[in-house]
Each structure stands twice: as C-alpha cells, then as structure tokens.
Amino acid sequence: MPTPSFKVALGLIAVSLLPRMAAADVVTGTVTPATAKAVVVDATGKTVAELKPGAYQLQLPPGRYKARCLAPTQREQEFLSLSEPVTVNVDCG
C-alpha cells in the first residue's frame, strides 16, 4: 500500500501534467495629460479598470482590451494582454 507522502507526490505530478491555463499578467503604463480620464474595457465592452492620470499597474487575464479615453478627448487604443508583462501608454490629449 502506498504511503501518504507517495500519494502526495503522485498528486503533484498529476497536477503538473494538466494543461496550463494562461494566468493574468501585469499591464503597466502611463495616462496623460494630467486632466485625463480613461477606462479599460474587455472584448465584451465591460469596464474592467478605471485609469487615473499618471503611472498605473493592472493585472489582466490574457485577452483583447481597449483603453478608452473619456476626457479631455475621446479615443480608443486597442491592446492585448499576454502571458507576459505588457506596457500600454494612453495619451488622451
């Protein structure tokens, strides 16, 4: 009969062989100008973050996103969140 430690080791091996799901990763950047208001929306249009002027850092699951400037001008910038760090600078001026 296998020992408890053998069962734990076997379980860890089994889990490590499962297909890996992409984890959320870090998205960093800056929002300009100082009067800017922006949001990040996912592929469905749902707001997933509000961005203030200056530097920001988010954790987003892999996928397609848009940074939407609300002020002082309205514009969109598409970007991808990958399984690695991404930098997205948002200029709303």
PDB file of N, CA and C in Angstrom:
ATOM      1  N   MET A   1       0.852  -1.181   0.000  1.00  0.00           N
ATOM      2  CA  MET A   1       0.000   0.000   0.000  1.00  0.00           C
ATOM      3  C   MET A   1       0.898   1.245   0.000  1.00  0.00           C
ATOM      4  N   PRO A   2       0.618   2.218  -0.902  1.00  0.00           N
ATOM      5  CA  PRO A   2       1.439   3.415  -0.990  1.00  0.00           C
ATOM      6  C   PRO A   2       1.344   4.254   0.281  1.00  0.00           C
ATOM      7  N   THR A   3       2.446   4.879   0.629  1.00  0.00           N
ATOM      8  CA  THR A   3       2.477   5.741   1.811  1.00  0.00           C
ATOM      9  C   THR A   3       1.818   7.075   1.494  1.00  0.00           C
ATOM     10  N   PRO A   4       1.393   7.812   2.529  1.00  0.00           N
ATOM     11  CA  PRO A   4       0.764   9.114   2.286  1.00  0.00           C
ATOM     12  C   PRO A   4       1.682  10.080   1.523  1.00  0.00           C
ATOM     13  N   SER A   5       2.969  10.094   1.812  1.00  0.00           N
ATOM     14  CA  SER A   5       3.873  11.012   1.112  1.00  0.00           C
ATOM     15  C   SER A   5       3.989  10.635  -0.367  1.00  0.00           C
ATOM     16  N   PHE A   6       3.912   9.327  -0.671  1.00  0.00           N
ATOM     17  CA  PHE A   6       3.947   8.891  -2.066  1.00  0.00           C
ATOM     18  C   PHE A   6       2.703   9.375  -2.796  1.00  0.00           C
ATOM     19  N   LYS A   7       1.538   9.318  -2.121  1.00  0.00           N
ATOM     20  CA  LYS A   7       0.291   9.783  -2.723  1.00  0.00           C
ATOM     21  C   LYS A   7       0.345  11.286  -3.005  1.00  0.00           C
ATOM     22  N   VAL A   8       0.923  12.050  -2.082  1.00  0.00           N
ATOM     23  CA  VAL A   8       1.044  13.495  -2.276  1.00  0.00           C
ATOM     24  C   VAL A   8       1.949  13.778  -3.472  1.00  0.00           C
ATOM     25  N   ALA A   9       3.072  13.082  -3.547  1.00  0.00           N
ATOM     26  CA  ALA A   9       3.997  13.275  -4.662  1.00  0.00           C
ATOM     27  C   ALA A   9       3.331  12.906  -5.986  1.00  0.00           C
ATOM     28  N   LEU A  10       2.587  11.829  -5.996  1.00  0.00           N
ATOM     29  CA  LEU A  10       1.891  11.404  -7.196  1.00  0.00           C
ATOM     30  C   LEU A  10       0.845  12.446  -7.604  1.00  0.00           C
ATOM     31  N   GLY A  11       0.152  12.996  -6.632  1.00  0.00           N
ATOM     32  CA  GLY A  11      -0.846  14.038  -6.898  1.00  0.00           C
ATOM     33  C   GLY A  11      -0.208  15.284  -7.490  1.00  0.00           C
ATOM     34  N   LEU A  12       0.953  15.685  -6.971  1.00  0.00           N
ATOM     35  CA  LEU A  12       1.651  16.853  -7.506  1.00  0.00           C
ATOM     36  C   LEU A  12       2.097  16.629  -8.944  1.00  0.00           C
ATOM     37  N   ILE A  13       2.541  15.438  -9.235  1.00  0.00           N
ATOM     38  CA  ILE A  13       2.944  15.113 -10.599  1.00  0.00           C
ATOM     39  C   ILE A  13       1.736  15.176 -11.527  1.00  0.00           C
ATOM     40  N   ALA A  14       0.608  14.632 -11.095  1.00  0.00           N
ATOM     41  CA  ALA A  14      -0.600  14.641 -11.918  1.00  0.00           C
ATOM     42  C   ALA A  14      -1.049  16.073 -12.199  1.00  0.00           C
ATOM     43  N   VAL A  15      -1.021  16.941 -11.188  1.00  0.00           N
ATOM     44  CA  VAL A  15      -1.429  18.333 -11.367  1.00  0.00           C
ATOM     45  C   VAL A  15      -0.478  19.041 -12.321  1.00  0.00           C
ATOM     46  N   SER A  16       0.807  18.753 -12.226  1.00  0.00           N
ATOM     47  CA  SER A  16       1.768  19.426 -13.098  1.00  0.00           C
ATOM     48  C   SER A  16       1.607  19.013 -14.558  1.00  0.00           C
ATOM     49  N   LEU A  17       0.983  17.879 -14.811  1.00  0.00           N
ATOM     50  CA  LEU A  17       0.784  17.414 -16.180  1.00  0.00           C
ATOM     51  C   LEU A  17      -0.497  17.945 -16.812  1.00  0.00           C
ATOM     52  N   LEU A  18      -1.361  18.579 -16.019  1.00  0.00           N
ATOM     53  CA  LEU A  18      -2.597  19.144 -16.551  1.00  0.00           C
ATOM     54  C   LEU A  18      -2.268  20.300 -17.495  1.00  0.00           C
ATOM     55  N   PRO A  19      -3.108  20.537 -18.497  1.00  0.00           N
ATOM     56  CA  PRO A  19      -2.862  21.688 -19.387  1.00  0.00           C
ATOM     57  C   PRO A  19      -2.851  22.963 -18.563  1.00  0.00           C
ATOM     58  N   ARG A  20      -1.890  23.822 -18.846  1.00  0.00           N
ATOM     59  CA  ARG A  20      -1.770  25.056 -18.074  1.00  0.00           C
ATOM     60  C   ARG A  20      -2.651  26.133 -18.674  1.00  0.00           C
ATOM     61  N   MET A  21      -3.412  26.787 -17.809  1.00  0.00           N
ATOM     62  CA  MET A  21      -4.234  27.897 -18.247  1.00  0.00           C
ATOM     63  C   MET A  21      -3.394  29.158 -18.122  1.00  0.00           C
ATOM     64  N   ALA A  22      -3.550  30.056 -19.053  1.00  0.00           N
ATOM     65  CA  ALA A  22      -2.802  31.302 -19.018  1.00  0.00           C
ATOM     66  C   ALA A  22      -3.258  32.125 -17.822  1.00  0.00           C
ATOM     67  N   ALA A  23      -2.309  32.595 -17.077  1.00  0.00           N
ATOM     68  CA  ALA A  23      -2.608  33.373 -15.879  1.00  0.00           C
ATOM     69  C   ALA A  23      -2.648  34.851 -16.229  1.00  0.00           C
ATOM     70  N   ALA A  24      -3.266  35.617 -15.363  1.00  0.00           N
ATOM     71  CA  ALA A  24      -3.286  37.058 -15.544  1.00  0.00           C
ATOM     72  C   ALA A  24      -1.868  37.581 -15.436  1.00  0.00           C
ATOM     73  N   ASP A  25      -1.591  38.630 -16.178  1.00  0.00           N
ATOM     74  CA  ASP A  25      -0.275  39.219 -16.078  1.00  0.00           C
ATOM     75  C   ASP A  25      -0.377  40.724 -15.948  1.00  0.00           C
ATOM     76  N   VAL A  26       0.759  41.343 -15.726  1.00  0.00           N
ATOM     77  CA  VAL A  26       0.822  42.757 -15.399  1.00  0.00           C
ATOM     78  C   VAL A  26       0.812  43.618 -16.654  1.00  0.00           C
ATOM     79  N   VAL A  27      -0.048  44.641 -16.625  1.00  0.00           N
ATOM     80  CA  VAL A  27      -0.083  45.662 -17.659  1.00  0.00           C
ATOM     81  C   VAL A  27       0.278  46.970 -16.961  1.00  0.00           C
ATOM     82  N   THR A  28       1.316  47.650 -17.451  1.00  0.00           N
ATOM     83  CA  THR A  28       1.745  48.914 -16.861  1.00  0.00           C
ATOM     84  C   THR A  28       1.760  49.987 -17.929  1.00  0.00           C
ATOM     85  N   GLY A  29       1.826  51.226 -17.494  1.00  0.00           N
ATOM     86  CA  GLY A  29       1.925  52.332 -18.428  1.00  0.00           C
ATOM     87  C   GLY A  29       1.624  53.640 -17.732  1.00  0.00           C
ATOM     88  N   THR A  30       1.417  54.664 -18.539  1.00  0.00           N
ATOM     89  CA  THR A  30       1.048  55.977 -18.025  1.00  0.00           C
ATOM     90  C   THR A  30      -0.157  56.506 -18.791  1.00  0.00           C
ATOM     91  N   VAL A  31      -0.914  57.346 -18.113  1.00  0.00           N
ATOM     92  CA  VAL A  31      -2.058  58.021 -18.720  1.00  0.00           C
ATOM     93  C   VAL A  31      -1.741  59.513 -18.712  1.00  0.00           C
ATOM     94  N   THR A  32      -1.828  60.150 -19.880  1.00  0.00           N
ATOM     95  CA  THR A  32      -1.586  61.582 -19.991  1.00  0.00           C
ATOM     96  C   THR A  32      -2.723  62.217 -20.759  1.00  0.00           C
ATOM     97  N   PRO A  33      -2.956  63.521 -20.614  1.00  0.00           N
ATOM     98  CA  PRO A  33      -2.341  64.506 -19.741  1.00  0.00           C
ATOM     99  C   PRO A  33      -2.899  64.423 -18.320  1.00  0.00           C
ATOM    100  N   ALA A  34      -2.536  65.396 -17.490  1.00  0.00           N
ATOM    101  CA  ALA A  34      -2.936  65.383 -16.082  1.00  0.00           C
ATOM    102  C   ALA A  34      -4.445  65.475 -15.891  1.00  0.00           C
ATOM    103  N   THR A  35      -5.168  65.898 -16.904  1.00  0.00           N
ATOM    104  CA  THR A  35      -6.641  66.019 -16.813  1.00  0.00           C
ATOM    105  C   THR A  35      -7.352  64.809 -17.397  1.00  0.00           C
ATOM    106  N   ALA A  36      -6.607  63.789 -17.769  1.00  0.00           N
ATOM    107  CA  ALA A  36      -7.185  62.626 -18.464  1.00  0.00           C
ATOM    108  C   ALA A  36      -8.064  61.780 -17.555  1.00  0.00           C
ATOM    109  N   LYS A  37      -9.087  61.204 -18.183  1.00  0.00           N
ATOM    110  CA  LYS A  37      -9.931  60.178 -17.563  1.00  0.00           C
ATOM    111  C   LYS A  37     -10.025  59.055 -18.567  1.00  0.00           C
ATOM    112  N   ALA A  38      -9.757  57.823 -18.135  1.00  0.00           N
ATOM    113  CA  ALA A  38      -9.773  56.684 -19.054  1.00  0.00           C
ATOM    114  C   ALA A  38     -10.250  55.434 -18.334  1.00  0.00           C
ATOM    115  N   VAL A  39     -10.769  54.494 -19.108  1.00  0.00           N
ATOM    116  CA  VAL A  39     -11.170  53.188 -18.584  1.00  0.00           C
ATOM    117  C   VAL A  39     -10.592  52.121 -19.499  1.00  0.00           C
ATOM    118  N   VAL A  40     -10.484  50.914 -18.963  1.00  0.00           N
ATOM    119  CA  VAL A  40     -10.092  49.746 -19.757  1.00  0.00           C
ATOM    120  C   VAL A  40     -11.320  48.862 -19.852  1.00  0.00           C
ATOM    121  N   VAL A  41     -11.652  48.461 -21.081  1.00  0.00           N
ATOM    122  CA  VAL A  41     -12.795  47.581 -21.295  1.00  0.00           C
ATOM    123  C   VAL A  41     -12.316  46.288 -21.940  1.00  0.00           C
ATOM    124  N   ASP A  42     -13.007  45.194 -21.640  1.00  0.00           N
ATOM    125  CA  ASP A  42     -12.652  43.903 -22.232  1.00  0.00           C
ATOM    126  C   ASP A  42     -13.338  43.739 -23.584  1.00  0.00           C
ATOM    127  N   ALA A  43     -13.194  42.578 -24.192  1.00  0.00           N
ATOM    128  CA  ALA A  43     -13.730  42.323 -25.533  1.00  0.00           C
ATOM    129  C   ALA A  43     -15.254  42.436 -25.588  1.00  0.00           C
ATOM    130  N   THR A  44     -15.933  42.280 -24.449  1.00  0.00           N
ATOM    131  CA  THR A  44     -17.391  42.393 -24.422  1.00  0.00           C
ATOM    132  C   THR A  44     -17.859  43.827 -24.182  1.00  0.00           C
ATOM    133  N   GLY A  45     -16.905  44.743 -23.915  1.00  0.00           N
ATOM    134  CA  GLY A  45     -17.252  46.130 -23.634  1.00  0.00           C
ATOM    135  C   GLY A  45     -17.423  46.432 -22.167  1.00  0.00           C
ATOM    136  N   LYS A  46     -17.206  45.444 -21.313  1.00  0.00           N
ATOM    137  CA  LYS A  46     -17.343  45.625 -19.860  1.00  0.00           C
ATOM    138  C   LYS A  46     -16.123  46.366 -19.310  1.00  0.00           C
ATOM    139  N   THR A  47     -16.363  47.394 -18.504  1.00  0.00           N
ATOM    140  CA  THR A  47     -15.269  48.128 -17.875  1.00  0.00           C
ATOM    141  C   THR A  47     -14.595  47.237 -16.838  1.00  0.00           C
ATOM    142  N   VAL A  48     -13.276  47.068 -16.978  1.00  0.00           N
ATOM    143  CA  VAL A  48     -12.527  46.221 -16.040  1.00  0.00           C
ATOM    144  C   VAL A  48     -11.576  47.036 -15.179  1.00  0.00           C
ATOM    145  N   ALA A  49     -11.353  48.319 -15.537  1.00  0.00           N
ATOM    146  CA  ALA A  49     -10.482  49.175 -14.725  1.00  0.00           C
ATOM    147  C   ALA A  49     -10.727  50.634 -15.076  1.00  0.00           C
ATOM    148  N   GLU A  50     -10.543  51.494 -14.084  1.00  0.00           N
ATOM    149  CA  GLU A  50     -10.560  52.935 -14.296  1.00  0.00           C
ATOM    150  C   GLU A  50      -9.142  53.429 -14.114  1.00  0.00           C
ATOM    151  N   LEU A  51      -8.677  54.245 -15.061  1.00  0.00           N
ATOM    152  CA  LEU A  51      -7.307  54.737 -15.020  1.00  0.00           C
ATOM    153  C   LEU A  51      -7.288  56.218 -14.687  1.00  0.00           C
ATOM    154  N   LYS A  52      -6.427  56.592 -13.757  1.00  0.00           N
ATOM    155  CA  LYS A  52      -6.221  57.992 -13.395  1.00  0.00           C
ATOM    156  C   LYS A  52      -4.957  58.482 -14.093  1.00  0.00           C
ATOM    157  N   PRO A  53      -4.802  59.790 -14.212  1.00  0.00           N
ATOM    158  CA  PRO A  53      -3.584  60.313 -14.828  1.00  0.00           C
ATOM    159  C   PRO A  53      -2.333  59.848 -14.073  1.00  0.00           C
ATOM    160  N   GLY A  54      -1.262  59.648 -14.815  1.00  0.00           N
ATOM    161  CA  GLY A  54      -0.002  59.201 -14.218  1.00  0.00           C
ATOM    162  C   GLY A  54       0.220  57.718 -14.462  1.00  0.00           C
ATOM    163  N   ALA A  55       1.140  57.167 -13.693  1.00  0.00           N
ATOM    164  CA  ALA A  55       1.511  55.756 -13.849  1.00  0.00           C
ATOM    165  C   ALA A  55       0.422  54.848 -13.289  1.00  0.00           C
ATOM    166  N   TYR A  56       0.263  53.689 -13.919  1.00  0.00           N
ATOM    167  CA  TYR A  56      -0.695  52.697 -13.432  1.00  0.00           C
ATOM    168  C   TYR A  56      -0.111  51.293 -13.600  1.00  0.00           C
ATOM    169  N   GLN A  57      -0.709  50.370 -12.881  1.00  0.00           N
ATOM    170  CA  GLN A  57      -0.350  48.953 -12.998  1.00  0.00           C
ATOM    171  C   GLN A  57      -1.608  48.138 -12.754  1.00  0.00           C
ATOM    172  N   LEU A  58      -1.903  47.216 -13.669  1.00  0.00           N
ATOM    173  CA  LEU A  58      -3.081  46.349 -13.574  1.00  0.00           C
ATOM    174  C   LEU A  58      -2.667  44.904 -13.743  1.00  0.00           C
ATOM    175  N   GLN A  59      -3.505  44.019 -13.291  1.00  0.00           N
ATOM    176  CA  GLN A  59      -3.362  42.599 -13.615  1.00  0.00           C
ATOM    177  C   GLN A  59      -4.593  42.200 -14.396  1.00  0.00           C
ATOM    178  N   LEU A  60      -4.379  41.776 -15.647  1.00  0.00           N
ATOM    179  CA  LEU A  60      -5.486  41.392 -16.519  1.00  0.00           C
ATOM    180  C   LEU A  60      -5.249  40.003 -17.080  1.00  0.00           C
ATOM    181  N   PRO A  61      -6.296  39.197 -17.186  1.00  0.00           N
ATOM    182  CA  PRO A  61      -6.149  37.907 -17.848  1.00  0.00           C
ATOM    183  C   PRO A  61      -5.816  38.118 -19.321  1.00  0.00           C
ATOM    184  N   PRO A  62      -5.174  37.159 -19.957  1.00  0.00           N
ATOM    185  CA  PRO A  62      -4.877  37.298 -21.383  1.00  0.00           C
ATOM    186  C   PRO A  62      -6.148  37.553 -22.184  1.00  0.00           C
ATOM    187  N   GLY A  63      -6.051  38.447 -23.154  1.00  0.00           N
ATOM    188  CA  GLY A  63      -7.201  38.754 -23.995  1.00  0.00           C
ATOM    189  C   GLY A  63      -7.049  40.087 -24.686  1.00  0.00           C
ATOM    190  N   ARG A  64      -8.112  40.485 -25.394  1.00  0.00           N
ATOM    191  CA  ARG A  64      -8.146  41.764 -26.104  1.00  0.00           C
ATOM    192  C   ARG A  64      -8.831  42.802 -25.221  1.00  0.00           C
ATOM    193  N   TYR A  65      -8.244  43.989 -25.206  1.00  0.00           N
ATOM    194  CA  TYR A  65      -8.768  45.087 -24.394  1.00  0.00           C
ATOM    195  C   TYR A  65      -8.692  46.386 -25.176  1.00  0.00           C
ATOM    196  N   LYS A  66      -9.425  47.397 -24.671  1.00  0.00           N
ATOM    197  CA  LYS A  66      -9.336  48.745 -25.215  1.00  0.00           C
ATOM    198  C   LYS A  66      -9.171  49.706 -24.049  1.00  0.00           C
ATOM    199  N   ALA A  67      -8.267  50.651 -24.222  1.00  0.00           N
ATOM    200  CA  ALA A  67      -8.178  51.769 -23.295  1.00  0.00           C
ATOM    201  C   ALA A  67      -9.020  52.872 -23.921  1.00  0.00           C
ATOM    202  N   ARG A  68     -10.071  53.294 -23.212  1.00  0.00           N
ATOM    203  CA  ARG A  68     -10.976  54.324 -23.726  1.00  0.00           C
ATOM    204  C   ARG A  68     -10.747  55.626 -22.976  1.00  0.00           C
ATOM    205  N   CYS A  69     -10.339  56.638 -23.710  1.00  0.00           N
ATOM    206  CA  CYS A  69     -10.200  57.973 -23.130  1.00  0.00           C
ATOM    207  C   CYS A  69     -11.580  58.615 -23.072  1.00  0.00           C
ATOM    208  N   LEU A  70     -11.918  59.157 -21.920  1.00  0.00           N
ATOM    209  CA  LEU A  70     -13.211  59.826 -21.748  1.00  0.00           C
ATOM    210  C   LEU A  70     -13.039  61.341 -21.737  1.00  0.00           C
ATOM    211  N   ALA A  71     -11.849  61.816 -21.326  1.00  0.00           N
ATOM    212  CA  ALA A  71     -11.561  63.248 -21.277  1.00  0.00           C
ATOM    213  C   ALA A  71     -10.046  63.424 -21.298  1.00  0.00           C
ATOM    214  N   PRO A  72      -9.503  64.474 -21.812  1.00  0.00           N
ATOM    215  CA  PRO A  72     -10.182  65.613 -22.421  1.00  0.00           C
ATOM    216  C   PRO A  72     -10.674  65.333 -23.844  1.00  0.00           C
ATOM    217  N   THR A  73     -10.160  64.289 -24.499  1.00  0.00           N
ATOM    218  CA  THR A  73     -10.688  63.895 -25.807  1.00  0.00           C
ATOM    219  C   THR A  73     -11.136  62.447 -25.729  1.00  0.00           C
ATOM    220  N   GLN A  74     -12.014  62.053 -26.635  1.00  0.00           N
ATOM    221  CA  GLN A  74     -12.476  60.667 -26.660  1.00  0.00           C
ATOM    222  C   GLN A  74     -11.752  59.923 -27.765  1.00  0.00           C
ATOM    223  N   ARG A  75     -11.081  58.852 -27.381  1.00  0.00           N
ATOM    224  CA  ARG A  75     -10.416  57.973 -28.353  1.00  0.00           C
ATOM    225  C   ARG A  75     -10.218  56.614 -27.712  1.00  0.00           C
ATOM    226  N   GLU A  76      -9.906  55.625 -28.547  1.00  0.00           N
ATOM    227  CA  GLU A  76      -9.679  54.256 -28.065  1.00  0.00           C
ATOM    228  C   GLU A  76      -8.325  53.757 -28.548  1.00  0.00           C
ATOM    229  N   GLN A  77      -7.747  52.915 -27.743  1.00  0.00           N
ATOM    230  CA  GLN A  77      -6.483  52.281 -28.090  1.00  0.00           C
ATOM    231  C   GLN A  77      -6.606  50.804 -27.751  1.00  0.00           C
ATOM    232  N   GLU A  78      -6.521  49.947 -28.769  1.00  0.00           N
ATOM    233  CA  GLU A  78      -6.622  48.506 -28.542  1.00  0.00           C
ATOM    234  C   GLU A  78      -5.272  47.953 -28.100  1.00  0.00           C
ATOM    235  N   PHE A  79      -5.324  46.937 -27.238  1.00  0.00           N
ATOM    236  CA  PHE A  79      -4.100  46.248 -26.849  1.00  0.00           C
ATOM    237  C   PHE A  79      -4.417  44.828 -26.436  1.00  0.00           C
ATOM    238  N   LEU A  80      -3.393  44.006 -26.411  1.00  0.00           N
ATOM    239  CA  LEU A  80      -3.505  42.615 -25.979  1.00  0.00           C
ATOM    240  C   LEU A  80      -2.813  42.447 -24.648  1.00  0.00           C
ATOM    241  N   SER A  81      -3.452  41.736 -23.746  1.00  0.00           N
ATOM    242  CA  SER A  81      -2.789  41.301 -22.521  1.00  0.00           C
ATOM    243  C   SER A  81      -2.329  39.879 -22.800  1.00  0.00           C
ATOM    244  N   LEU A  82      -1.049  39.655 -22.661  1.00  0.00           N
ATOM    245  CA  LEU A  82      -0.468  38.356 -22.969  1.00  0.00           C
ATOM    246  C   LEU A  82      -0.081  37.648 -21.678  1.00  0.00           C
ATOM    247  N   SER A  83       0.572  36.545 -21.811  1.00  0.00           N
ATOM    248  CA  SER A  83       1.049  35.821 -20.627  1.00  0.00           C
ATOM    249  C   SER A  83       2.441  36.312 -20.238  1.00  0.00           C
ATOM    250  N   GLU A  84       2.663  37.583 -20.443  1.00  0.00           N
ATOM    251  CA  GLU A  84       3.913  38.242 -20.069  1.00  0.00           C
ATOM    252  C   GLU A  84       3.604  39.717 -19.857  1.00  0.00           C
ATOM    253  N   PRO A  85       4.468  40.440 -19.164  1.00  0.00           N
ATOM    254  CA  PRO A  85       4.199  41.854 -18.909  1.00  0.00           C
ATOM    255  C   PRO A  85       4.060  42.658 -20.203  1.00  0.00           C
ATOM    256  N   VAL A  86       3.140  43.635 -20.178  1.00  0.00           N
ATOM    257  CA  VAL A  86       2.856  44.482 -21.335  1.00  0.00           C
ATOM    258  C   VAL A  86       2.828  45.926 -20.867  1.00  0.00           C
ATOM    259  N   THR A  87       3.350  46.836 -21.696  1.00  0.00           N
ATOM    260  CA  THR A  87       3.292  48.266 -21.405  1.00  0.00           C
ATOM    261  C   THR A  87       2.331  48.935 -22.375  1.00  0.00           C
ATOM    262  N   VAL A  88       1.367  49.683 -21.831  1.00  0.00           N
ATOM    263  CA  VAL A  88       0.398  50.410 -22.658  1.00  0.00           C
ATOM    264  C   VAL A  88       0.329  51.847 -22.132  1.00  0.00           C
ATOM    265  N   ASN A  89       0.873  52.777 -22.920  1.00  0.00           N
ATOM    266  CA  ASN A  89       0.799  54.195 -22.573  1.00  0.00           C
ATOM    267  C   ASN A  89      -0.414  54.789 -23.267  1.00  0.00           C
ATOM    268  N   VAL A  90      -1.251  55.482 -22.504  1.00  0.00           N
ATOM    269  CA  VAL A  90      -2.515  56.014 -23.002  1.00  0.00           C
ATOM    270  C   VAL A  90      -2.447  57.533 -23.049  1.00  0.00           C
ATOM    271  N   ASP A  91      -2.528  58.104 -24.255  1.00  0.00           N
ATOM    272  CA  ASP A  91      -2.494  59.559 -24.435  1.00  0.00           C
ATOM    273  C   ASP A  91      -3.898  60.038 -24.771  1.00  0.00           C
ATOM    274  N   CYS A  92      -4.517  60.729 -23.836  1.00  0.00           N
ATOM    275  CA  CYS A  92      -5.878  61.209 -24.032  1.00  0.00           C
ATOM    276  C   CYS A  92      -5.903  62.685 -24.446  1.00  0.00           C
ATOM    277  N   GLY A  93      -4.739  63.245 -24.745  1.00  0.00           N
ATOM    278  CA  GLY A  93      -4.651  64.681 -25.090  1.00  0.00           C
ATOM    279  C   GLY A  93      -4.976  64.956 -26.521  1.00  0.00           C
TER     280      GLY A  93
END
